[in-house]
Amino acid sequence: MQALKAAARRRHQSEAELIREGVQRILAEENGPVMPDFGILDAEPVTAAEIDAALAAGMGAAGIER
């Protein structure tokens, strides 16, 4: 692989280092960013009949205050 050898020379790194760096980048892209856990599943389940009361309790009876 001439391109790998040339890149290693340009970057003053070994071919193995470039390969490891490439693998790390690919794995990071596949895993993607870690999504924060906002505790949504920690709440008590609410049925459709109770949704208005649950939303009012969380936002106030008037809705989101600005």
N, C-alpha and C. Protein backbone atom coordinates (compact mmCIF):
# COMPACT_ATOMS: atom_id res chain seq x y z
N MET A 1 0.85 -1.18 0.00
CA MET A 1 0.00 0.00 0.00
C MET A 1 0.89 1.24 0.00
N GLN A 2 1.08 1.74 -1.15
CA GLN A 2 1.94 2.91 -1.30
C GLN A 2 1.35 4.14 -0.62
N ALA A 3 0.03 4.31 -0.68
CA ALA A 3 -0.61 5.48 -0.07
C ALA A 3 -0.40 5.49 1.44
N LEU A 4 -0.47 4.34 2.06
CA LEU A 4 -0.25 4.24 3.51
C LEU A 4 1.18 4.61 3.86
N LYS A 5 2.13 4.09 3.11
CA LYS A 5 3.53 4.42 3.35
C LYS A 5 3.79 5.90 3.18
N ALA A 6 3.22 6.50 2.14
CA ALA A 6 3.41 7.93 1.89
C ALA A 6 2.79 8.77 3.00
N ALA A 7 1.60 8.40 3.45
CA ALA A 7 0.94 9.14 4.53
C ALA A 7 1.75 9.03 5.82
N ALA A 8 2.28 7.87 6.10
CA ALA A 8 3.10 7.67 7.31
C ALA A 8 4.33 8.56 7.26
N ARG A 9 4.96 8.63 6.09
CA ARG A 9 6.15 9.50 5.96
C ARG A 9 5.78 10.97 6.16
N ARG A 10 4.67 11.40 5.53
CA ARG A 10 4.25 12.81 5.65
C ARG A 10 3.95 13.19 7.09
N ARG A 11 3.34 12.28 7.83
CA ARG A 11 2.92 12.57 9.21
C ARG A 11 3.96 12.19 10.24
N HIS A 12 5.07 11.63 9.79
CA HIS A 12 6.14 11.19 10.70
C HIS A 12 5.59 10.21 11.75
N GLN A 13 4.79 9.27 11.27
CA GLN A 13 4.22 8.22 12.11
C GLN A 13 4.47 6.88 11.44
N SER A 14 4.35 5.82 12.21
CA SER A 14 4.46 4.50 11.61
C SER A 14 3.15 4.14 10.93
N GLU A 15 3.23 3.17 10.03
CA GLU A 15 2.01 2.69 9.37
C GLU A 15 1.04 2.12 10.39
N ALA A 16 1.57 1.42 11.39
CA ALA A 16 0.72 0.83 12.43
C ALA A 16 -0.04 1.91 13.19
N GLU A 17 0.63 3.03 13.47
CA GLU A 17 -0.04 4.13 14.18
C GLU A 17 -1.19 4.69 13.34
N LEU A 18 -0.96 4.84 12.04
CA LEU A 18 -2.02 5.34 11.17
C LEU A 18 -3.19 4.37 11.11
N ILE A 19 -2.90 3.08 11.06
CA ILE A 19 -3.96 2.08 11.03
C ILE A 19 -4.77 2.13 12.33
N ARG A 20 -4.08 2.20 13.48
CA ARG A 20 -4.79 2.28 14.77
C ARG A 20 -5.67 3.53 14.83
N GLU A 21 -5.13 4.65 14.36
CA GLU A 21 -5.90 5.90 14.36
C GLU A 21 -7.14 5.77 13.48
N GLY A 22 -6.98 5.13 12.31
CA GLY A 22 -8.12 4.93 11.42
C GLY A 22 -9.19 4.06 12.04
N VAL A 23 -8.79 2.99 12.70
CA VAL A 23 -9.74 2.10 13.36
C VAL A 23 -10.48 2.85 14.47
N GLN A 24 -9.75 3.64 15.25
CA GLN A 24 -10.39 4.41 16.33
C GLN A 24 -11.42 5.38 15.77
N ARG A 25 -11.10 6.03 14.66
CA ARG A 25 -12.06 6.97 14.05
C ARG A 25 -13.32 6.26 13.58
N ILE A 26 -13.15 5.13 12.93
CA ILE A 26 -14.30 4.38 12.44
C ILE A 26 -15.19 3.92 13.59
N LEU A 27 -14.58 3.40 14.65
CA LEU A 27 -15.37 2.95 15.80
C LEU A 27 -16.08 4.11 16.47
N ALA A 28 -15.44 5.27 16.55
CA ALA A 28 -16.07 6.44 17.15
C ALA A 28 -17.28 6.88 16.32
N GLU A 29 -17.15 6.84 15.00
CA GLU A 29 -18.27 7.22 14.13
C GLU A 29 -19.43 6.26 14.25
N GLU A 30 -19.14 4.97 14.34
CA GLU A 30 -20.21 3.97 14.44
C GLU A 30 -20.97 4.08 15.76
N ASN A 31 -20.24 4.32 16.82
CA ASN A 31 -20.89 4.43 18.12
C ASN A 31 -21.64 5.74 18.24
N GLY A 32 -21.17 6.78 17.60
CA GLY A 32 -21.82 8.08 17.66
C GLY A 32 -21.72 8.68 19.05
N PRO A 33 -22.27 9.85 19.16
CA PRO A 33 -22.21 10.51 20.45
C PRO A 33 -23.10 9.82 21.48
N VAL A 34 -22.72 9.89 22.70
CA VAL A 34 -23.51 9.32 23.79
C VAL A 34 -24.65 10.28 24.09
N MET A 35 -25.85 9.76 24.01
CA MET A 35 -27.02 10.60 24.28
C MET A 35 -27.23 10.72 25.78
N PRO A 36 -27.51 11.93 26.25
CA PRO A 36 -27.73 12.09 27.68
C PRO A 36 -29.01 11.40 28.13
N ASP A 37 -29.02 10.97 29.37
CA ASP A 37 -30.19 10.33 29.95
C ASP A 37 -30.90 11.37 30.79
N PHE A 38 -32.08 11.74 30.36
CA PHE A 38 -32.83 12.77 31.07
C PHE A 38 -33.78 12.20 32.12
N GLY A 39 -33.69 10.91 32.35
CA GLY A 39 -34.52 10.31 33.38
C GLY A 39 -35.97 10.11 32.97
N ILE A 40 -36.23 10.10 31.68
CA ILE A 40 -37.61 9.97 31.20
C ILE A 40 -38.24 8.66 31.69
N LEU A 41 -37.46 7.61 31.70
CA LEU A 41 -38.01 6.31 32.10
C LEU A 41 -38.12 6.17 33.61
N ASP A 42 -37.58 7.14 34.36
CA ASP A 42 -37.69 7.10 35.81
C ASP A 42 -39.06 7.54 36.30
N ALA A 43 -39.83 8.21 35.45
CA ALA A 43 -41.13 8.74 35.85
C ALA A 43 -42.16 7.62 35.92
N GLU A 44 -43.20 7.89 36.68
CA GLU A 44 -44.31 6.94 36.75
C GLU A 44 -45.04 6.93 35.41
N PRO A 45 -45.46 5.78 34.94
CA PRO A 45 -46.18 5.73 33.67
C PRO A 45 -47.50 6.48 33.74
N VAL A 46 -47.87 7.13 32.66
CA VAL A 46 -49.11 7.91 32.59
C VAL A 46 -49.94 7.36 31.44
N THR A 47 -51.22 7.16 31.69
CA THR A 47 -52.11 6.70 30.63
C THR A 47 -52.63 7.90 29.85
N ALA A 48 -53.21 7.65 28.70
CA ALA A 48 -53.75 8.72 27.87
C ALA A 48 -54.82 9.52 28.62
N ALA A 49 -55.58 8.85 29.47
CA ALA A 49 -56.64 9.54 30.21
C ALA A 49 -56.05 10.51 31.25
N GLU A 50 -54.81 10.26 31.68
CA GLU A 50 -54.19 11.10 32.73
C GLU A 50 -53.22 12.14 32.18
N ILE A 51 -53.07 12.21 30.86
CA ILE A 51 -52.03 13.05 30.30
C ILE A 51 -52.23 14.53 30.58
N ASP A 52 -53.44 15.04 30.51
CA ASP A 52 -53.67 16.46 30.78
C ASP A 52 -53.27 16.85 32.19
N ALA A 53 -53.62 16.01 33.17
CA ALA A 53 -53.25 16.28 34.55
C ALA A 53 -51.74 16.20 34.74
N ALA A 54 -51.10 15.24 34.08
CA ALA A 54 -49.66 15.08 34.21
C ALA A 54 -48.92 16.27 33.59
N LEU A 55 -49.37 16.73 32.44
CA LEU A 55 -48.75 17.89 31.81
C LEU A 55 -48.97 19.16 32.63
N ALA A 56 -50.16 19.33 33.17
CA ALA A 56 -50.44 20.50 33.99
C ALA A 56 -49.58 20.50 35.25
N ALA A 57 -49.36 19.33 35.81
CA ALA A 57 -48.52 19.24 37.02
C ALA A 57 -47.07 19.60 36.69
N GLY A 58 -46.62 19.22 35.50
CA GLY A 58 -45.23 19.49 35.12
C GLY A 58 -45.02 20.90 34.62
N MET A 59 -46.03 21.53 34.01
CA MET A 59 -45.85 22.85 33.42
C MET A 59 -46.69 23.93 34.10
N GLY A 60 -47.57 23.52 34.95
CA GLY A 60 -48.50 24.47 35.54
C GLY A 60 -49.79 24.46 34.74
N ALA A 61 -50.84 24.86 35.32
CA ALA A 61 -52.15 24.81 34.67
C ALA A 61 -52.22 25.70 33.43
N ALA A 62 -51.43 26.79 33.42
CA ALA A 62 -51.47 27.72 32.28
C ALA A 62 -50.52 27.30 31.17
N GLY A 63 -49.78 26.24 31.34
CA GLY A 63 -48.82 25.81 30.33
C GLY A 63 -47.44 26.33 30.65
N ILE A 64 -46.59 26.38 29.67
CA ILE A 64 -45.23 26.84 29.89
C ILE A 64 -45.24 28.35 30.10
N GLU A 65 -44.67 28.76 31.20
CA GLU A 65 -44.63 30.19 31.51
C GLU A 65 -43.43 30.80 30.82
N ARG A 66 -43.62 31.99 30.25
CA ARG A 66 -42.52 32.68 29.55
C ARG A 66 -42.10 33.89 30.33
